[in-house]
Amino acid sequence: MVEPPAHQGWEQIWRRGGSYGGDTPEPQVVELASRLKARGCSRVLDLGCGMGRNLLWLAANGFTVWGCDVSPTAVAACRRALAGSGLSAGVLRAEMTALPFGENVFDATIAWDVIFHSTVKGILRTVGGVRHSLRDDGLFLVTFNSTESTNRQNARDALALGEAEELEPETYVVPGDELDKALPHHYTTEQEIRARLLPGLQILSIQQYGHEYEDARGRHRTVKWWVLARKR
């Protein structure tokens, strides 16, 4: 089965004024920044930067930042926000599976709620590009969907009703969903992350986290993994 173009979904989401994640940086990004400063490192890539909540904070705190996103609307919004804040960062439109960066460029890459919007093949291509552009000992902060998330069960329920598609084991799309579930979502375990999804990278930390939310279908718990890895 052909994987649907991710940029179509994200462009629609950002055009509707989506605000995924709000406008403050993730605590793990702030912690990573402290680690980088202690190492004297400053070059960071925000992969799938969206409207720029992590990118803007990093730029305001003295980092040399590049951001990329597949959505033209998100890229334009990032650039406007930087200009309005008097900050500087490079922001460009790019597919996550075809990063336009050379070898050994960045001290760290952040991919928060990004690379799981793909099949396993796409995830591995993205990780390969990240590894290529990281310097030796460079850090990668990345999140994955957990199979313990109720979103996974929701997708499986929709699949049973003929309202979703399974692109491959544990990778689903729900075409009628008005939010991001119309995009591919791969759900994974800690074992798969360690054994399969981060080749060439040493995992320094892996933790599960979650939050609850409610919609017309009831109450849900989104569960994800966040991982800090190092280029070997």
Protein backbone atom coordinates (compact mmCIF):
# COMPACT_ATOMS: atom_id res chain seq x y z
CA MET A 1 0.00 0.00 0.00
CA VAL A 2 1.27 3.47 -0.88
CA GLU A 3 1.92 5.75 2.07
CA PRO A 4 -0.02 9.04 1.73
CA PRO A 5 2.02 12.26 1.35
CA ALA A 6 2.54 13.60 4.87
CA HIS A 7 2.87 17.21 3.71
CA GLN A 8 -0.75 17.32 2.56
CA GLY A 9 -2.01 16.55 6.02
CA TRP A 10 0.33 18.85 7.89
CA GLU A 11 -0.27 21.71 5.50
CA GLN A 12 -4.00 21.38 6.08
CA ILE A 13 -3.50 21.26 9.85
CA TRP A 14 -1.30 24.35 9.99
CA ARG A 15 -3.52 26.26 7.58
CA ARG A 16 -6.43 25.67 9.94
CA GLY A 17 -4.39 27.30 12.67
CA GLY A 18 -3.32 24.14 14.46
CA SER A 19 -1.33 24.73 17.65
CA TYR A 20 0.13 21.33 18.45
CA GLY A 21 2.23 21.55 21.59
CA GLY A 22 1.36 25.17 22.35
CA ASP A 23 4.01 27.87 22.27
CA THR A 24 6.45 26.81 25.01
CA PRO A 25 9.41 24.44 24.61
CA GLU A 26 9.30 20.88 25.84
CA PRO A 27 11.04 20.42 29.22
CA GLN A 28 13.27 17.78 27.61
CA VAL A 29 14.40 20.37 25.04
CA VAL A 30 15.32 22.77 27.84
CA GLU A 31 17.23 19.97 29.59
CA LEU A 32 19.02 19.10 26.34
CA ALA A 33 20.01 22.76 25.91
CA SER A 34 21.64 22.75 29.35
CA ARG A 35 23.57 19.61 28.44
CA LEU A 36 24.74 21.16 25.17
CA LYS A 37 25.87 24.37 26.86
CA ALA A 38 27.87 22.35 29.38
CA ARG A 39 29.62 20.66 26.45
CA GLY A 40 30.24 23.95 24.64
CA CYS A 41 27.94 22.92 21.76
CA SER A 42 25.61 25.26 19.91
CA ARG A 43 24.47 23.91 16.52
CA VAL A 44 20.98 22.38 16.68
CA LEU A 45 18.49 21.12 14.09
CA ASP A 46 14.79 21.22 14.92
CA LEU A 47 13.36 18.57 12.60
CA GLY A 48 9.65 19.09 11.98
CA CYS A 49 9.79 22.49 13.65
CA GLY A 50 6.11 23.30 13.04
CA MET A 51 5.31 26.85 14.13
CA GLY A 52 8.65 27.04 15.94
CA ARG A 53 7.98 26.70 19.65
CA ASN A 54 11.26 24.83 20.32
CA LEU A 55 13.20 26.60 17.58
CA LEU A 56 12.32 30.11 18.82
CA TRP A 57 13.29 29.26 22.38
CA LEU A 58 16.63 27.81 21.29
CA ALA A 59 17.38 30.84 19.11
CA ALA A 60 16.52 33.17 22.01
CA ASN A 61 18.93 31.25 24.23
CA GLY A 62 21.99 31.63 22.07
CA PHE A 63 21.94 28.50 19.91
CA THR A 64 22.71 28.42 16.21
CA VAL A 65 19.50 26.79 15.02
CA TRP A 66 18.17 25.34 11.81
CA GLY A 67 14.58 24.26 11.47
CA CYS A 68 12.85 22.33 8.74
CA ASP A 69 9.26 21.35 8.15
CA VAL A 70 7.29 19.85 5.29
CA SER A 71 4.52 22.48 5.53
CA PRO A 72 5.02 25.80 3.67
CA THR A 73 2.57 27.46 6.08
CA ALA A 74 4.59 26.36 9.11
CA VAL A 75 7.87 27.47 7.52
CA ALA A 76 6.45 30.90 6.70
CA ALA A 77 5.02 31.26 10.23
CA CYS A 78 8.39 30.37 11.74
CA ARG A 79 10.16 32.96 9.65
CA ARG A 80 7.64 35.65 10.60
CA ALA A 81 7.94 34.79 14.29
CA LEU A 82 11.73 34.99 14.12
CA ALA A 83 11.63 38.36 12.36
CA GLY A 84 9.06 39.69 14.81
CA SER A 85 11.22 38.64 17.75
CA GLY A 86 14.46 39.94 16.28
CA LEU A 87 15.91 36.43 16.29
CA SER A 88 17.94 34.57 13.70
CA ALA A 89 17.65 30.96 12.55
CA GLY A 90 17.66 29.10 9.26
CA VAL A 91 14.23 27.69 8.37
CA LEU A 92 13.52 25.70 5.23
CA ARG A 93 10.94 23.37 3.76
CA ALA A 94 12.08 19.76 3.53
CA GLU A 95 10.78 16.21 3.74
CA MET A 96 12.06 14.46 6.85
CA THR A 97 13.17 11.48 4.77
CA ALA A 98 15.37 13.69 2.55
CA LEU A 99 17.19 16.14 4.82
CA PRO A 100 19.26 18.63 2.79
CA PHE A 101 22.24 18.82 5.14
CA GLY A 102 25.83 17.70 4.83
CA GLU A 103 27.78 15.36 7.05
CA ASN A 104 28.81 16.21 10.64
CA VAL A 105 26.91 19.52 10.80
CA PHE A 106 24.91 19.51 14.04
CA ASP A 107 25.70 19.00 17.71
CA ALA A 108 22.12 17.88 18.30
CA THR A 109 18.87 17.20 16.48
CA ILE A 110 15.38 17.41 17.97
CA ALA A 111 12.45 15.51 16.42
CA TRP A 112 9.52 15.96 18.78
CA ASP A 113 6.34 14.18 17.65
CA VAL A 114 7.60 13.93 14.08
CA ILE A 115 9.22 10.78 12.76
CA PHE A 116 6.50 8.32 13.80
CA HIS A 117 4.28 9.85 11.08
CA SER A 118 5.61 7.27 8.65
CA THR A 119 6.16 3.60 7.97
CA VAL A 120 9.16 1.85 9.52
CA LYS A 121 11.01 2.28 6.22
CA GLY A 122 10.40 6.03 6.38
CA ILE A 123 11.47 6.21 10.02
CA LEU A 124 14.73 4.45 9.20
CA ARG A 125 15.40 6.79 6.27
CA THR A 126 14.82 9.77 8.52
CA VAL A 127 17.09 8.40 11.26
CA GLY A 128 19.76 7.72 8.64
CA GLY A 129 19.64 11.36 7.54
CA VAL A 130 19.79 12.57 11.12
CA ARG A 131 22.79 10.35 11.86
CA HIS A 132 24.55 11.58 8.70
CA SER A 133 24.18 15.23 9.69
CA LEU A 134 25.15 14.76 13.35
CA ARG A 135 28.71 15.24 14.48
CA ASP A 136 30.45 12.41 16.33
CA ASP A 137 28.92 12.16 19.82
CA GLY A 138 26.07 14.38 18.62
CA LEU A 139 22.75 13.96 20.43
CA PHE A 140 19.33 13.04 19.08
CA LEU A 141 16.18 13.81 21.10
CA VAL A 142 13.25 11.97 19.53
CA THR A 143 9.76 10.72 20.39
CA PHE A 144 7.83 7.62 19.34
CA ASN A 145 4.22 6.50 19.80
CA SER A 146 3.71 3.71 22.34
CA THR A 147 1.55 0.67 21.65
CA GLU A 148 0.01 1.39 25.08
CA SER A 149 -1.64 4.55 23.77
CA THR A 150 -5.42 4.49 23.47
CA ASN A 151 -4.93 6.13 20.05
CA ARG A 152 -3.57 2.80 18.85
CA GLN A 153 -6.68 0.99 20.04
CA ASN A 154 -8.85 3.70 18.49
CA ALA A 155 -7.11 3.09 15.17
CA ARG A 156 -7.63 -0.65 15.48
CA ASP A 157 -11.32 -0.13 16.29
CA ALA A 158 -11.65 2.12 13.23
CA LEU A 159 -9.86 -0.55 11.18
CA ALA A 160 -12.42 -3.15 12.23
CA LEU A 161 -15.19 -0.80 11.04
CA GLY A 162 -13.50 -0.21 7.70
CA GLU A 163 -12.72 3.40 8.65
CA ALA A 164 -8.92 3.06 8.86
CA GLU A 165 -6.08 1.41 6.97
CA GLU A 166 -3.12 -0.58 8.29
CA LEU A 167 -0.15 0.28 6.07
CA GLU A 168 1.98 -2.37 7.80
CA PRO A 169 1.98 -3.94 11.27
CA GLU A 170 1.27 -1.21 13.86
CA THR A 171 1.17 1.64 11.30
CA TYR A 172 -2.29 3.11 10.74
CA VAL A 173 -4.04 5.94 8.94
CA VAL A 174 -7.60 7.09 9.65
CA PRO A 175 -8.50 9.00 6.46
CA GLY A 176 -11.64 10.67 7.83
CA ASP A 177 -9.96 12.07 10.94
CA GLU A 178 -9.89 15.89 10.99
CA LEU A 179 -6.72 16.05 13.07
CA ASP A 180 -3.38 14.29 12.59
CA LYS A 181 -4.70 10.71 12.66
CA ALA A 182 -5.28 11.00 8.90
CA LEU A 183 -1.48 10.87 8.69
CA PRO A 184 0.46 7.64 9.24
CA HIS A 185 1.06 6.76 12.88
CA HIS A 186 3.48 3.99 13.80
CA TYR A 187 3.09 2.55 17.31
CA THR A 188 6.05 0.87 18.91
CA THR A 189 7.52 -0.83 21.96
CA GLU A 190 10.75 -0.16 23.83
CA GLN A 191 12.11 -3.40 22.42
CA GLU A 192 11.50 -2.29 18.82
CA ILE A 193 13.08 1.11 19.48
CA ARG A 194 16.20 -0.50 20.92
CA ALA A 195 16.50 -3.29 18.35
CA ARG A 196 15.34 -1.65 15.15
CA LEU A 197 14.53 2.03 14.97
CA LEU A 198 17.78 3.83 15.93
CA PRO A 199 20.59 2.06 14.03
CA GLY A 200 24.03 3.55 14.54
CA LEU A 201 22.90 5.44 17.64
CA GLN A 202 23.53 4.63 21.29
CA ILE A 203 20.48 5.10 23.51
CA LEU A 204 21.36 7.12 26.60
CA SER A 205 17.86 7.40 28.02
CA ILE A 206 14.41 6.10 27.14
CA GLN A 207 11.28 6.98 29.09
CA GLN A 208 7.55 6.66 28.64
CA TYR A 209 5.20 9.57 29.24
CA GLY A 210 1.55 10.28 28.64
CA HIS A 211 -1.34 12.67 28.97
CA GLU A 212 -5.10 12.37 29.01
CA TYR A 213 -7.60 14.25 26.88
CA GLU A 214 -11.28 14.10 26.10
CA ASP A 215 -13.19 14.45 22.85
CA ALA A 216 -16.55 13.44 21.39
CA ARG A 217 -15.53 9.77 21.50
CA GLY A 218 -14.69 9.82 25.20
CA ARG A 219 -11.59 10.02 27.37
CA HIS A 220 -8.21 8.93 26.00
CA ARG A 221 -4.63 8.52 27.14
CA THR A 222 -1.86 9.29 24.70
CA VAL A 223 1.32 7.39 25.60
CA LYS A 224 4.68 8.03 23.95
CA TRP A 225 8.37 7.33 24.37
CA TRP A 226 10.99 10.01 24.49
CA VAL A 227 14.53 8.95 23.73
CA LEU A 228 17.91 10.62 24.00
CA ALA A 229 20.53 8.93 21.82
CA ARG A 230 24.13 9.61 20.81
CA LYS A 231 25.88 9.16 17.47
CA ARG A 232 28.48 6.47 17.94
